[in-house]
Amino acid sequence: MSLDAIEVGQSVKIHSLDESNDDHKYLLSLGVLPGDVLKVTAKGTFGGPISCKHENQSFFALRRDYAKKVIVTEVQ
């Protein structure tokens, strides 16, 4: 499942990044790496950005087209 499908308040572990184009380099520059844990803190209305809290306590927002390229698994 991709990050854009996760509900607000859920925590997920990054399984992989879609590397079909250079967009994954932007995600890597944010420190988004496979194995990291993220928590979705907010979602913009009308397809707006997704706000996340990274396990290292930093916050960032991703456009939904980037979030679709982050493949995640749920954290229990």
Protein backbone atom coordinates (compact mmCIF):
# COMPACT_ATOMS: atom_id res chain seq x y z
CA MET A 1 0.00 0.00 0.00
CA SER A 2 1.25 3.52 -0.63
CA LEU A 3 1.60 6.38 1.84
CA ASP A 4 -1.25 8.37 0.27
CA ALA A 5 -3.72 5.62 1.33
CA ILE A 6 -2.85 5.84 5.04
CA GLU A 7 -5.29 7.48 7.44
CA VAL A 8 -4.36 10.35 9.75
CA GLY A 9 -2.92 9.06 13.04
CA GLN A 10 -1.60 5.78 11.62
CA SER A 11 2.07 4.82 11.84
CA VAL A 12 3.74 2.95 9.00
CA LYS A 13 7.12 1.52 8.12
CA ILE A 14 8.60 2.39 4.74
CA HIS A 15 9.04 -0.78 2.71
CA SER A 16 10.41 0.74 -0.51
CA LEU A 17 10.46 3.75 -2.81
CA ASP A 18 9.32 3.68 -6.42
CA GLU A 19 12.53 4.32 -8.35
CA SER A 20 10.97 4.41 -11.82
CA ASN A 21 12.07 8.05 -12.20
CA ASP A 22 14.17 10.65 -10.38
CA ASP A 23 11.42 11.57 -7.86
CA HIS A 24 12.89 9.11 -5.35
CA LYS A 25 15.95 11.40 -5.07
CA TYR A 26 13.74 14.11 -3.58
CA LEU A 27 12.39 11.64 -1.02
CA LEU A 28 15.94 10.57 -0.13
CA SER A 29 16.91 14.23 0.37
CA LEU A 30 14.16 14.48 3.00
CA GLY A 31 15.67 11.51 4.81
CA VAL A 32 12.84 9.18 3.81
CA LEU A 33 14.52 5.77 3.70
CA PRO A 34 13.27 2.17 3.60
CA GLY A 35 12.96 0.84 7.15
CA ASP A 36 12.02 4.22 8.66
CA VAL A 37 8.80 4.71 10.62
CA LEU A 38 6.43 7.58 9.77
CA LYS A 39 3.22 8.80 11.33
CA VAL A 40 0.65 10.60 9.16
CA THR A 41 -0.30 13.74 11.09
CA ALA A 42 -2.59 15.53 8.60
CA LYS A 43 -3.97 15.38 5.09
CA GLY A 44 -4.83 18.42 3.02
CA THR A 45 -8.31 18.69 1.59
CA PHE A 46 -9.05 18.29 -2.10
CA GLY A 47 -5.94 16.20 -2.75
CA GLY A 48 -3.60 18.50 -0.85
CA PRO A 49 -0.31 17.48 0.76
CA ILE A 50 0.18 14.81 3.41
CA SER A 51 1.98 15.85 6.60
CA CYS A 52 4.17 13.27 8.31
CA LYS A 53 6.25 12.96 11.45
CA HIS A 54 9.49 11.09 10.91
CA GLU A 55 10.86 8.77 13.60
CA ASN A 56 13.70 11.24 14.20
CA GLN A 57 11.03 13.75 15.25
CA SER A 58 11.22 15.93 12.12
CA PHE A 59 8.07 16.95 10.26
CA PHE A 60 7.58 17.24 6.52
CA ALA A 61 4.82 17.40 3.94
CA LEU A 62 4.63 15.52 0.65
CA ARG A 63 2.55 16.17 -2.42
CA ARG A 64 0.24 13.23 -3.03
CA ASP A 65 2.03 12.22 -6.21
CA TYR A 66 5.22 11.77 -4.16
CA ALA A 67 3.33 9.95 -1.38
CA LYS A 68 2.07 7.43 -3.96
CA LYS A 69 5.70 6.44 -4.59
CA VAL A 70 6.35 5.51 -0.94
CA ILE A 71 5.36 1.87 -0.37
CA VAL A 72 4.59 1.20 3.30
CA THR A 73 3.45 -1.48 5.72
CA GLU A 74 1.39 -0.87 8.85
CA VAL A 75 3.12 -0.79 12.23
CA GLN A 76 1.32 -2.73 14.95
